[in-house]
């Protein structure tokens, strides 16, 4: 299993490729993307001395955009489609910009194409870290590989994969423990069962 986190994904997303992805997947939404991201947009930043400065943003999706996750999902859909085409037979779970890739025993090697003979997980890292993903602004960040033995460790598998299992209450408690005081928890957001990942 290879666990991948894309680097600063929302801020680095290519607006050019975002527009192309949305035009293909949801043409009715393209007008909104053009209006919101078709030009340089100003961002106000509060500096350490309390003053405010304006910075011009040319890439990425604005924090606070209610459609940010949908827009990221559209871009990820197109990128993952390319990954599946180049490295068929991968099992994957995707949560926004976090990707968990796995292969079934006996199907670990790419059988044809430009990555023939390579481990599927190694080939997948080549694709995710490659030029096509970088052009989209999807930049390979932290990644870690785990063996089946490590994942059989039960609670450790849950921690590694970022999934929470059990009752909704237990899931919410697990999320609160992991997040700790790093974030202000909004129970309306985290009041869900958290089972976004299936082993």
N, C-alpha and C. Protein backbone atom coordinates (compact mmCIF):
# COMPACT_ATOMS: atom_id res chain seq x y z
N UNK A 1 0.85 -1.18 0.00
CA UNK A 1 0.00 0.00 0.00
C UNK A 1 0.89 1.23 0.00
N UNK A 2 0.58 2.17 -0.89
CA UNK A 2 1.31 3.44 -0.95
C UNK A 2 0.33 4.55 -0.56
N UNK A 3 0.68 5.32 0.46
CA UNK A 3 -0.16 6.42 0.93
C UNK A 3 0.49 7.72 0.47
N UNK A 4 -0.26 8.52 -0.30
CA UNK A 4 0.27 9.73 -0.92
C UNK A 4 -0.52 10.95 -0.49
N UNK A 5 0.20 12.01 -0.17
CA UNK A 5 -0.44 13.29 0.12
C UNK A 5 0.14 14.30 -0.86
N UNK A 6 -0.72 14.97 -1.61
CA UNK A 6 -0.23 15.98 -2.55
C UNK A 6 0.15 17.26 -1.80
N UNK A 7 1.17 17.93 -2.28
CA UNK A 7 1.75 19.08 -1.58
C UNK A 7 0.94 20.35 -1.84
N UNK A 8 0.40 20.94 -0.78
CA UNK A 8 -0.25 22.26 -0.86
C UNK A 8 -1.23 22.32 -2.04
N UNK A 9 -2.03 21.26 -2.19
CA UNK A 9 -2.77 21.02 -3.44
C UNK A 9 -3.73 22.14 -3.82
N UNK A 10 -4.49 22.67 -2.89
CA UNK A 10 -5.48 23.69 -3.26
C UNK A 10 -4.81 24.96 -3.76
N UNK A 11 -3.67 25.33 -3.17
CA UNK A 11 -3.00 26.57 -3.55
C UNK A 11 -2.21 26.48 -4.84
N UNK A 12 -1.81 25.27 -5.23
CA UNK A 12 -0.97 25.13 -6.42
C UNK A 12 -1.75 24.69 -7.66
N UNK A 13 -3.02 24.39 -7.50
CA UNK A 13 -3.84 23.90 -8.61
C UNK A 13 -3.77 24.85 -9.81
N UNK A 14 -3.55 24.32 -10.99
CA UNK A 14 -3.49 25.13 -12.20
C UNK A 14 -4.90 25.56 -12.60
N UNK A 15 -5.14 26.85 -12.70
CA UNK A 15 -6.47 27.33 -13.08
C UNK A 15 -6.77 27.01 -14.54
N UNK A 16 -5.74 26.98 -15.37
CA UNK A 16 -5.94 26.62 -16.78
C UNK A 16 -6.50 25.20 -16.88
N UNK A 17 -5.83 24.26 -16.22
CA UNK A 17 -6.26 22.87 -16.28
C UNK A 17 -7.56 22.65 -15.51
N UNK A 18 -7.77 23.45 -14.46
CA UNK A 18 -9.04 23.37 -13.74
C UNK A 18 -10.19 23.70 -14.67
N UNK A 19 -10.05 24.79 -15.44
CA UNK A 19 -11.09 25.17 -16.38
C UNK A 19 -11.37 24.08 -17.40
N UNK A 20 -10.30 23.44 -17.90
CA UNK A 20 -10.47 22.37 -18.88
C UNK A 20 -11.19 21.17 -18.26
N UNK A 21 -10.82 20.83 -17.03
CA UNK A 21 -11.45 19.68 -16.36
C UNK A 21 -12.94 19.93 -16.13
N UNK A 22 -13.28 21.14 -15.66
CA UNK A 22 -14.68 21.45 -15.37
C UNK A 22 -15.48 21.54 -16.67
N UNK A 23 -14.89 22.08 -17.72
CA UNK A 23 -15.58 22.15 -19.01
C UNK A 23 -15.95 20.75 -19.50
N UNK A 24 -15.05 19.80 -19.27
CA UNK A 24 -15.31 18.42 -19.69
C UNK A 24 -16.34 17.74 -18.80
N UNK A 25 -16.22 17.92 -17.48
CA UNK A 25 -17.02 17.15 -16.54
C UNK A 25 -18.36 17.79 -16.19
N UNK A 26 -18.40 19.12 -16.15
CA UNK A 26 -19.62 19.81 -15.73
C UNK A 26 -19.69 21.17 -16.42
N UNK A 27 -20.01 21.19 -17.73
CA UNK A 27 -19.98 22.44 -18.50
C UNK A 27 -20.82 23.56 -17.91
N UNK A 28 -21.93 23.22 -17.22
CA UNK A 28 -22.78 24.26 -16.64
C UNK A 28 -22.06 25.04 -15.55
N UNK A 29 -21.03 24.43 -14.96
CA UNK A 29 -20.30 25.08 -13.88
C UNK A 29 -19.13 25.92 -14.41
N UNK A 30 -18.84 25.80 -15.69
CA UNK A 30 -17.67 26.48 -16.25
C UNK A 30 -17.76 27.99 -16.11
N UNK A 31 -18.95 28.55 -16.27
CA UNK A 31 -19.11 30.01 -16.15
C UNK A 31 -18.69 30.49 -14.76
N UNK A 32 -19.04 29.71 -13.73
CA UNK A 32 -18.64 30.08 -12.37
C UNK A 32 -17.12 30.06 -12.24
N UNK A 33 -16.49 28.98 -12.76
CA UNK A 33 -15.03 28.86 -12.66
C UNK A 33 -14.36 30.04 -13.38
N UNK A 34 -14.88 30.41 -14.55
CA UNK A 34 -14.33 31.56 -15.28
C UNK A 34 -14.48 32.85 -14.49
N UNK A 35 -15.65 33.01 -13.88
CA UNK A 35 -15.90 34.23 -13.10
C UNK A 35 -14.99 34.28 -11.87
N UNK A 36 -14.85 33.15 -11.18
CA UNK A 36 -14.10 33.13 -9.92
C UNK A 36 -12.60 33.06 -10.12
N UNK A 37 -12.16 32.36 -11.18
CA UNK A 37 -10.73 32.08 -11.32
C UNK A 37 -10.17 32.40 -12.70
N UNK A 38 -10.92 33.06 -13.55
CA UNK A 38 -10.47 33.34 -14.90
C UNK A 38 -9.45 34.44 -15.01
N UNK A 39 -9.19 35.16 -13.94
CA UNK A 39 -8.26 36.27 -13.97
C UNK A 39 -7.47 36.27 -12.67
N UNK A 40 -6.46 37.12 -12.60
CA UNK A 40 -5.70 37.28 -11.35
C UNK A 40 -6.65 37.79 -10.28
N UNK A 41 -6.57 37.19 -9.09
CA UNK A 41 -7.47 37.59 -8.01
C UNK A 41 -6.67 38.10 -6.81
N UNK A 42 -7.16 39.16 -6.17
CA UNK A 42 -6.44 39.68 -5.00
C UNK A 42 -6.76 38.90 -3.73
N UNK A 43 -5.75 38.71 -2.92
CA UNK A 43 -5.91 38.08 -1.60
C UNK A 43 -5.37 39.05 -0.57
N UNK A 44 -6.13 39.30 0.47
CA UNK A 44 -5.68 40.19 1.54
C UNK A 44 -5.01 39.37 2.64
N UNK A 45 -3.80 39.77 3.00
CA UNK A 45 -3.04 39.07 4.04
C UNK A 45 -2.73 40.01 5.19
N UNK A 46 -2.95 39.54 6.41
CA UNK A 46 -2.60 40.32 7.59
C UNK A 46 -1.17 39.99 7.98
N UNK A 47 -0.34 40.99 8.08
CA UNK A 47 1.07 40.81 8.39
C UNK A 47 1.27 40.79 9.91
N UNK A 48 2.50 40.44 10.34
CA UNK A 48 2.81 40.34 11.77
C UNK A 48 2.60 41.66 12.50
N UNK A 49 2.85 42.77 11.80
CA UNK A 49 2.71 44.08 12.45
C UNK A 49 1.26 44.58 12.44
N UNK A 50 0.33 43.75 11.96
CA UNK A 50 -1.08 44.13 11.97
C UNK A 50 -1.57 44.82 10.70
N UNK A 51 -0.64 45.18 9.81
CA UNK A 51 -1.04 45.82 8.56
C UNK A 51 -1.58 44.77 7.59
N UNK A 52 -2.31 45.24 6.59
CA UNK A 52 -2.87 44.35 5.58
C UNK A 52 -2.22 44.62 4.25
N UNK A 53 -1.83 43.56 3.56
CA UNK A 53 -1.23 43.69 2.23
C UNK A 53 -2.04 42.88 1.24
N UNK A 54 -2.07 43.37 0.02
CA UNK A 54 -2.77 42.67 -1.05
C UNK A 54 -1.76 41.88 -1.88
N UNK A 55 -2.05 40.61 -2.07
CA UNK A 55 -1.21 39.74 -2.89
C UNK A 55 -2.05 39.26 -4.06
N UNK A 56 -1.48 39.26 -5.26
CA UNK A 56 -2.22 38.82 -6.43
C UNK A 56 -2.01 37.32 -6.63
N UNK A 57 -3.11 36.59 -6.74
CA UNK A 57 -3.07 35.15 -6.88
C UNK A 57 -3.39 34.76 -8.32
N UNK A 58 -2.52 33.92 -8.91
CA UNK A 58 -2.73 33.49 -10.29
C UNK A 58 -2.98 31.99 -10.40
N UNK A 59 -2.80 31.27 -9.32
CA UNK A 59 -3.02 29.82 -9.33
C UNK A 59 -3.78 29.42 -8.08
N UNK A 60 -4.36 28.24 -8.10
CA UNK A 60 -4.99 27.69 -6.92
C UNK A 60 -6.45 28.08 -6.75
N UNK A 61 -7.05 27.46 -5.76
CA UNK A 61 -8.45 27.70 -5.40
C UNK A 61 -8.46 28.44 -4.07
N UNK A 62 -9.31 29.45 -3.97
CA UNK A 62 -9.36 30.25 -2.74
C UNK A 62 -9.90 29.45 -1.56
N UNK A 63 -9.23 29.61 -0.43
CA UNK A 63 -9.74 29.03 0.81
C UNK A 63 -11.07 29.70 1.14
N UNK A 64 -12.04 28.90 1.49
CA UNK A 64 -13.36 29.44 1.79
C UNK A 64 -14.34 29.33 0.63
N UNK A 65 -13.86 28.98 -0.55
CA UNK A 65 -14.76 28.77 -1.69
C UNK A 65 -15.59 27.52 -1.38
N UNK A 66 -16.90 27.69 -1.33
CA UNK A 66 -17.78 26.57 -0.99
C UNK A 66 -17.72 25.42 -1.97
N UNK A 67 -17.23 25.69 -3.17
CA UNK A 67 -17.12 24.63 -4.19
C UNK A 67 -15.69 24.12 -4.35
N UNK A 68 -14.80 24.49 -3.43
CA UNK A 68 -13.39 24.12 -3.58
C UNK A 68 -13.20 22.61 -3.67
N UNK A 69 -13.89 21.85 -2.84
CA UNK A 69 -13.70 20.40 -2.84
C UNK A 69 -14.22 19.80 -4.15
N UNK A 70 -15.34 20.32 -4.66
CA UNK A 70 -15.85 19.83 -5.94
C UNK A 70 -14.88 20.15 -7.06
N UNK A 71 -14.32 21.35 -7.06
CA UNK A 71 -13.36 21.73 -8.09
C UNK A 71 -12.10 20.86 -8.01
N UNK A 72 -11.61 20.63 -6.80
CA UNK A 72 -10.46 19.75 -6.63
C UNK A 72 -10.81 18.34 -7.11
N UNK A 73 -12.03 17.90 -6.80
CA UNK A 73 -12.46 16.57 -7.22
C UNK A 73 -12.46 16.42 -8.73
N UNK A 74 -12.88 17.46 -9.44
CA UNK A 74 -12.86 17.42 -10.90
C UNK A 74 -11.46 17.27 -11.44
N UNK A 75 -10.52 18.04 -10.86
CA UNK A 75 -9.14 17.95 -11.30
C UNK A 75 -8.56 16.57 -10.98
N UNK A 76 -8.84 16.07 -9.77
CA UNK A 76 -8.34 14.76 -9.37
C UNK A 76 -8.92 13.66 -10.26
N UNK A 77 -10.19 13.79 -10.64
CA UNK A 77 -10.83 12.79 -11.50
C UNK A 77 -10.04 12.64 -12.80
N UNK A 78 -9.70 13.76 -13.43
CA UNK A 78 -8.97 13.72 -14.69
C UNK A 78 -7.57 13.16 -14.50
N UNK A 79 -6.90 13.54 -13.41
CA UNK A 79 -5.55 13.06 -13.15
C UNK A 79 -5.55 11.56 -12.85
N UNK A 80 -6.52 11.11 -12.06
CA UNK A 80 -6.57 9.69 -11.70
C UNK A 80 -6.95 8.84 -12.89
N UNK A 81 -7.74 9.39 -13.79
CA UNK A 81 -8.09 8.67 -15.02
C UNK A 81 -6.81 8.37 -15.82
N UNK A 82 -5.90 9.34 -15.85
CA UNK A 82 -4.62 9.14 -16.53
C UNK A 82 -3.80 8.07 -15.80
N UNK A 83 -3.81 8.10 -14.47
CA UNK A 83 -3.06 7.12 -13.69
C UNK A 83 -3.57 5.70 -13.97
N UNK A 84 -4.89 5.53 -13.98
CA UNK A 84 -5.49 4.21 -14.22
C UNK A 84 -5.14 3.71 -15.63
N UNK A 85 -5.12 4.63 -16.58
CA UNK A 85 -4.78 4.25 -17.96
C UNK A 85 -3.34 3.77 -18.06
N UNK A 86 -2.42 4.45 -17.36
CA UNK A 86 -1.01 4.11 -17.46
C UNK A 86 -0.63 2.93 -16.56
N UNK A 87 -1.32 2.81 -15.43
CA UNK A 87 -1.02 1.72 -14.49
C UNK A 87 -2.32 1.00 -14.15
N UNK A 88 -2.83 0.15 -15.05
CA UNK A 88 -4.10 -0.52 -14.78
C UNK A 88 -3.96 -1.53 -13.65
N UNK A 89 -5.08 -1.79 -12.99
CA UNK A 89 -5.11 -2.81 -11.94
C UNK A 89 -4.79 -2.31 -10.55
N UNK A 90 -4.71 -1.00 -10.38
CA UNK A 90 -4.50 -0.44 -9.04
C UNK A 90 -5.84 -0.37 -8.30
N UNK A 91 -5.82 -0.64 -7.03
CA UNK A 91 -6.97 -0.35 -6.18
C UNK A 91 -6.65 0.98 -5.51
N UNK A 92 -7.63 1.88 -5.44
CA UNK A 92 -7.33 3.16 -4.83
C UNK A 92 -8.51 3.69 -4.04
N UNK A 93 -8.18 4.39 -2.99
CA UNK A 93 -9.15 5.16 -2.21
C UNK A 93 -8.64 6.59 -2.22
N UNK A 94 -9.51 7.53 -2.53
CA UNK A 94 -9.10 8.93 -2.64
C UNK A 94 -10.01 9.77 -1.75
N UNK A 95 -9.40 10.62 -0.95
CA UNK A 95 -10.15 11.56 -0.13
C UNK A 95 -9.54 12.94 -0.36
N UNK A 96 -10.18 13.72 -1.21
CA UNK A 96 -9.72 15.04 -1.63
C UNK A 96 -8.33 14.91 -2.28
N UNK A 97 -7.25 15.30 -1.58
CA UNK A 97 -5.92 15.22 -2.18
C UNK A 97 -5.06 14.14 -1.55
N UNK A 98 -5.68 13.22 -0.83
CA UNK A 98 -4.97 12.10 -0.22
C UNK A 98 -5.34 10.83 -0.98
N UNK A 99 -4.33 10.08 -1.40
CA UNK A 99 -4.55 8.91 -2.24
C UNK A 99 -3.92 7.70 -1.56
N UNK A 100 -4.68 6.63 -1.43
CA UNK A 100 -4.15 5.36 -0.96
C UNK A 100 -4.24 4.37 -2.10
N UNK A 101 -3.09 3.88 -2.54
CA UNK A 101 -3.00 2.93 -3.66
C UNK A 101 -2.60 1.57 -3.12
N UNK A 102 -3.19 0.52 -3.67
CA UNK A 102 -2.80 -0.82 -3.27
C UNK A 102 -2.94 -1.75 -4.46
N UNK A 103 -2.26 -2.90 -4.34
CA UNK A 103 -2.36 -3.94 -5.37
C UNK A 103 -2.65 -5.26 -4.68
N UNK A 104 -3.38 -6.10 -5.37
CA UNK A 104 -3.67 -7.44 -4.84
C UNK A 104 -2.46 -8.33 -5.08
N UNK A 105 -2.26 -9.27 -4.19
CA UNK A 105 -1.16 -10.21 -4.30
C UNK A 105 -1.19 -10.90 -5.66
N UNK A 106 -0.04 -11.01 -6.29
CA UNK A 106 0.05 -11.66 -7.58
C UNK A 106 -0.18 -10.72 -8.76
N UNK A 107 -0.51 -9.46 -8.48
CA UNK A 107 -0.75 -8.50 -9.57
C UNK A 107 0.07 -7.24 -9.35
N UNK A 108 1.31 -7.42 -8.89
CA UNK A 108 2.12 -6.27 -8.49
C UNK A 108 2.88 -5.59 -9.62
N UNK A 109 3.01 -6.24 -10.81
CA UNK A 109 3.88 -5.74 -11.86
C UNK A 109 3.06 -5.26 -13.07
N UNK A 110 3.48 -4.13 -13.64
CA UNK A 110 2.83 -3.62 -14.86
C UNK A 110 3.20 -4.55 -16.01
N UNK A 111 2.19 -4.99 -16.78
CA UNK A 111 2.42 -6.00 -17.82
C UNK A 111 2.66 -5.42 -19.20
N UNK A 112 2.28 -4.16 -19.44
CA UNK A 112 2.51 -3.56 -20.76
C UNK A 112 2.59 -2.05 -20.64
N UNK A 113 3.02 -1.41 -21.74
CA UNK A 113 3.11 0.05 -21.75
C UNK A 113 4.47 0.55 -21.31
N UNK A 114 4.56 1.85 -21.08
CA UNK A 114 5.86 2.48 -20.79
C UNK A 114 6.46 2.06 -19.46
N UNK A 115 5.64 1.51 -18.56
CA UNK A 115 6.15 1.09 -17.25
C UNK A 115 6.24 -0.43 -17.13
N UNK A 116 6.23 -1.13 -18.26
CA UNK A 116 6.25 -2.60 -18.27
C UNK A 116 7.41 -3.14 -17.41
N UNK A 117 7.06 -4.11 -16.55
CA UNK A 117 8.06 -4.73 -15.69
C UNK A 117 8.27 -4.04 -14.35
N UNK A 118 7.77 -2.82 -14.23
CA UNK A 118 7.92 -2.09 -12.96
C UNK A 118 6.85 -2.53 -11.97
N UNK A 119 7.16 -2.40 -10.70
CA UNK A 119 6.14 -2.56 -9.66
C UNK A 119 5.04 -1.53 -9.93
N UNK A 120 3.79 -1.95 -9.75
CA UNK A 120 2.68 -1.01 -10.00
C UNK A 120 2.75 0.20 -9.07
N UNK A 121 3.16 -0.01 -7.83
CA UNK A 121 3.25 1.12 -6.91
C UNK A 121 4.37 2.07 -7.31
N UNK A 122 5.51 1.52 -7.77
CA UNK A 122 6.59 2.39 -8.25
C UNK A 122 6.15 3.16 -9.49
N UNK A 123 5.47 2.46 -10.40
CA UNK A 123 4.98 3.12 -11.62
C UNK A 123 3.98 4.21 -11.27
N UNK A 124 3.10 3.93 -10.31
CA UNK A 124 2.12 4.94 -9.90
C UNK A 124 2.81 6.19 -9.36
N UNK A 125 3.87 6.01 -8.57
CA UNK A 125 4.62 7.18 -8.06
C UNK A 125 5.26 7.96 -9.20
N UNK A 126 5.74 7.23 -10.24
CA UNK A 126 6.30 7.91 -11.40
C UNK A 126 5.25 8.79 -12.08
N UNK A 127 4.02 8.27 -12.19
CA UNK A 127 2.95 9.04 -12.84
C UNK A 127 2.57 10.24 -11.98
N UNK A 128 2.33 10.00 -10.68
CA UNK A 128 1.89 11.08 -9.79
C UNK A 128 2.96 12.16 -9.69
N UNK A 129 4.22 11.77 -9.70
CA UNK A 129 5.30 12.75 -9.62
C UNK A 129 5.73 13.29 -10.98
N UNK A 130 5.05 12.89 -12.04
CA UNK A 130 5.47 13.24 -13.39
C UNK A 130 4.94 14.57 -13.90
N UNK A 131 5.33 14.87 -15.13
CA UNK A 131 5.07 16.17 -15.73
C UNK A 131 3.58 16.48 -15.88
N UNK A 132 2.77 15.48 -16.26
CA UNK A 132 1.34 15.74 -16.47
C UNK A 132 0.65 16.19 -15.19
N UNK A 133 1.00 15.56 -14.09
CA UNK A 133 0.40 15.97 -12.81
C UNK A 133 0.92 17.32 -12.38
N UNK A 134 2.22 17.57 -12.58
CA UNK A 134 2.79 18.87 -12.19
C UNK A 134 2.17 20.00 -13.00
N UNK A 135 1.90 19.77 -14.28
CA UNK A 135 1.26 20.81 -15.10
C UNK A 135 -0.11 21.18 -14.52
N UNK A 136 -0.80 20.23 -13.94
CA UNK A 136 -2.10 20.49 -13.33
C UNK A 136 -1.96 21.19 -11.97
N UNK A 137 -0.73 21.28 -11.47
CA UNK A 137 -0.52 21.86 -10.14
C UNK A 137 -0.70 20.83 -9.04
N UNK A 138 -0.74 19.56 -9.40
CA UNK A 138 -0.85 18.46 -8.42
C UNK A 138 0.57 17.94 -8.20
N UNK A 139 1.16 18.32 -7.08
CA UNK A 139 2.58 18.06 -6.84
C UNK A 139 2.73 16.99 -5.76
N UNK A 140 3.52 15.97 -6.08
CA UNK A 140 3.74 14.87 -5.15
C UNK A 140 4.36 15.40 -3.87
N UNK A 141 3.71 15.10 -2.76
CA UNK A 141 4.21 15.50 -1.45
C UNK A 141 4.69 14.28 -0.69
N UNK A 142 4.30 14.21 0.57
CA UNK A 142 4.72 13.09 1.40
C UNK A 142 4.08 11.80 0.89
N UNK A 143 4.86 10.73 0.94
CA UNK A 143 4.30 9.42 0.60
C UNK A 143 5.05 8.36 1.38
N UNK A 144 4.36 7.28 1.67
CA UNK A 144 4.93 6.22 2.49
C UNK A 144 4.34 4.89 2.06
N UNK A 145 5.19 3.87 2.00
CA UNK A 145 4.73 2.54 1.62
C UNK A 145 4.64 1.65 2.86
N UNK A 146 3.61 0.83 2.89
CA UNK A 146 3.39 -0.09 4.00
C UNK A 146 3.17 -1.49 3.46
N UNK A 147 3.66 -2.46 4.18
CA UNK A 147 3.49 -3.85 3.78
C UNK A 147 2.17 -4.39 4.34
N UNK A 148 1.76 -5.53 3.80
CA UNK A 148 0.54 -6.17 4.29
C UNK A 148 0.67 -6.50 5.77
N UNK A 149 1.88 -6.90 6.20
CA UNK A 149 2.09 -7.24 7.61
C UNK A 149 1.85 -6.03 8.51
N UNK A 150 2.33 -4.88 8.06
CA UNK A 150 2.11 -3.66 8.85
C UNK A 150 0.62 -3.34 8.94
N UNK A 151 -0.09 -3.54 7.84
CA UNK A 151 -1.50 -3.18 7.82
C UNK A 151 -2.36 -4.16 8.61
N UNK A 152 -1.84 -5.35 8.83
CA UNK A 152 -2.60 -6.32 9.62
C UNK A 152 -2.56 -6.01 11.11
N UNK A 153 -1.84 -4.96 11.47
CA UNK A 153 -1.70 -4.61 12.88
C UNK A 153 -2.94 -3.92 13.45
N UNK A 154 -4.06 -3.93 12.73
CA UNK A 154 -5.32 -3.44 13.27
C UNK A 154 -5.36 -1.94 13.44
N UNK A 155 -5.21 -1.48 14.67
CA UNK A 155 -5.28 -0.05 14.96
C UNK A 155 -4.25 0.73 14.15
N UNK A 156 -3.09 0.13 13.93
CA UNK A 156 -2.05 0.80 13.15
C UNK A 156 -2.52 1.03 11.72
N UNK A 157 -3.26 0.06 11.17
CA UNK A 157 -3.79 0.22 9.81
C UNK A 157 -4.74 1.40 9.75
N UNK A 158 -5.56 1.55 10.77
CA UNK A 158 -6.51 2.67 10.81
C UNK A 158 -5.75 3.99 10.84
N UNK A 159 -4.69 4.06 11.65
CA UNK A 159 -3.91 5.30 11.75
C UNK A 159 -3.22 5.61 10.43
N UNK A 160 -2.61 4.60 9.82
CA UNK A 160 -1.87 4.80 8.58
C UNK A 160 -2.79 5.29 7.47
N UNK A 161 -3.92 4.63 7.30
CA UNK A 161 -4.79 4.92 6.17
C UNK A 161 -5.71 6.10 6.42
N UNK A 162 -5.80 6.55 7.65
CA UNK A 162 -6.62 7.72 7.93
C UNK A 162 -8.10 7.43 7.96
N UNK A 163 -8.47 6.17 8.06
CA UNK A 163 -9.89 5.81 8.13
C UNK A 163 -10.28 5.50 9.57
N UNK A 164 -11.53 5.74 9.90
CA UNK A 164 -12.02 5.47 11.24
C UNK A 164 -13.24 4.57 11.11
N UNK A 165 -13.26 3.53 11.92
CA UNK A 165 -14.28 2.51 11.77
C UNK A 165 -15.02 2.33 13.08
N UNK A 166 -16.25 1.88 13.00
CA UNK A 166 -17.04 1.64 14.18
C UNK A 166 -18.27 2.53 14.20
N UNK A 167 -18.79 2.77 15.40
CA UNK A 167 -19.99 3.59 15.54
C UNK A 167 -19.67 5.04 15.19
N UNK A 168 -20.69 5.84 14.82
CA UNK A 168 -20.45 7.26 14.56
C UNK A 168 -19.79 7.97 15.74
N UNK A 169 -20.20 7.61 16.95
CA UNK A 169 -19.64 8.24 18.15
C UNK A 169 -18.15 7.92 18.28
N UNK A 170 -17.81 6.63 18.05
CA UNK A 170 -16.41 6.22 18.16
C UNK A 170 -15.56 6.90 17.09
N UNK A 171 -16.13 7.03 15.89
CA UNK A 171 -15.41 7.69 14.80
C UNK A 171 -15.14 9.14 15.14
N UNK A 172 -16.16 9.82 15.63
CA UNK A 172 -16.00 11.23 15.97
C UNK A 172 -14.97 11.39 17.08
N UNK A 173 -14.99 10.50 18.08
CA UNK A 173 -14.03 10.56 19.17
C UNK A 173 -12.61 10.36 18.64
N UNK A 174 -12.45 9.40 17.70
CA UNK A 174 -11.13 9.15 17.12
C UNK A 174 -10.62 10.38 16.38
N UNK A 175 -11.50 11.03 15.63
CA UNK A 175 -11.11 12.24 14.91
C UNK A 175 -10.67 13.33 15.89
N UNK A 176 -11.45 13.51 16.95
CA UNK A 176 -11.11 14.53 17.95
C UNK A 176 -9.75 14.24 18.58
N UNK A 177 -9.46 12.97 18.86
CA UNK A 177 -8.19 12.62 19.49
C UNK A 177 -7.02 12.89 18.55
N UNK A 178 -7.19 12.55 17.28
CA UNK A 178 -6.11 12.76 16.32
C UNK A 178 -5.87 14.24 16.08
N UNK A 179 -6.95 14.98 15.89
CA UNK A 179 -6.82 16.40 15.59
C UNK A 179 -6.37 17.18 16.81
N UNK A 180 -6.83 16.74 18.00
CA UNK A 180 -6.46 17.41 19.24
C UNK A 180 -6.86 18.87 19.22
N UNK A 181 -5.98 19.73 19.65
CA UNK A 181 -6.31 21.16 19.69
C UNK A 181 -5.73 21.90 18.49
N UNK A 182 -5.36 21.17 17.43
CA UNK A 182 -4.79 21.84 16.26
C UNK A 182 -5.84 22.61 15.49
N UNK A 183 -7.09 22.16 15.55
CA UNK A 183 -8.16 22.81 14.81
C UNK A 183 -9.35 23.03 15.73
N UNK A 184 -10.11 24.04 15.41
CA UNK A 184 -11.38 24.23 16.10
C UNK A 184 -12.38 23.29 15.43
N UNK A 185 -12.91 22.36 16.19
CA UNK A 185 -13.80 21.35 15.62
C UNK A 185 -15.22 21.90 15.52
N UNK A 186 -15.77 21.83 14.35
CA UNK A 186 -17.17 22.19 14.13
C UNK A 186 -17.96 20.89 14.07
N UNK A 187 -18.78 20.64 15.09
CA UNK A 187 -19.48 19.36 15.17
C UNK A 187 -20.42 19.14 14.00
N UNK A 188 -20.86 20.22 13.35
CA UNK A 188 -21.73 20.03 12.18
C UNK A 188 -20.94 19.41 11.03
N UNK A 189 -19.64 19.68 10.99
CA UNK A 189 -18.81 19.10 9.94
C UNK A 189 -18.35 17.70 10.33
N UNK A 190 -17.89 17.55 11.57
CA UNK A 190 -17.33 16.28 12.00
C UNK A 190 -18.39 15.33 12.56
N UNK A 191 -19.64 15.73 12.56
CA UNK A 191 -20.69 14.87 13.08
C UNK A 191 -21.12 13.84 12.06
N UNK A 192 -20.16 13.17 11.46
CA UNK A 192 -20.46 12.11 10.50
C UNK A 192 -19.62 10.89 10.87
N UNK A 193 -19.91 9.78 10.24
CA UNK A 193 -19.28 8.55 10.73
C UNK A 193 -17.83 8.39 10.31
N UNK A 194 -17.36 9.23 9.40
CA UNK A 194 -15.95 9.21 9.06
C UNK A 194 -15.48 7.99 8.30
N UNK A 195 -16.38 7.11 7.92
CA UNK A 195 -15.96 5.88 7.25
C UNK A 195 -15.80 6.12 5.76
N UNK A 196 -14.80 6.94 5.40
CA UNK A 196 -14.61 7.27 3.99
C UNK A 196 -13.67 6.28 3.32
N UNK A 197 -13.16 5.34 4.05
CA UNK A 197 -12.18 4.42 3.51
C UNK A 197 -12.57 3.00 3.86
N UNK A 198 -12.57 2.12 2.91
CA UNK A 198 -12.92 0.73 3.15
C UNK A 198 -11.68 -0.14 2.92
N UNK A 199 -11.37 -1.00 3.87
CA UNK A 199 -10.24 -1.93 3.69
C UNK A 199 -10.72 -3.15 2.92
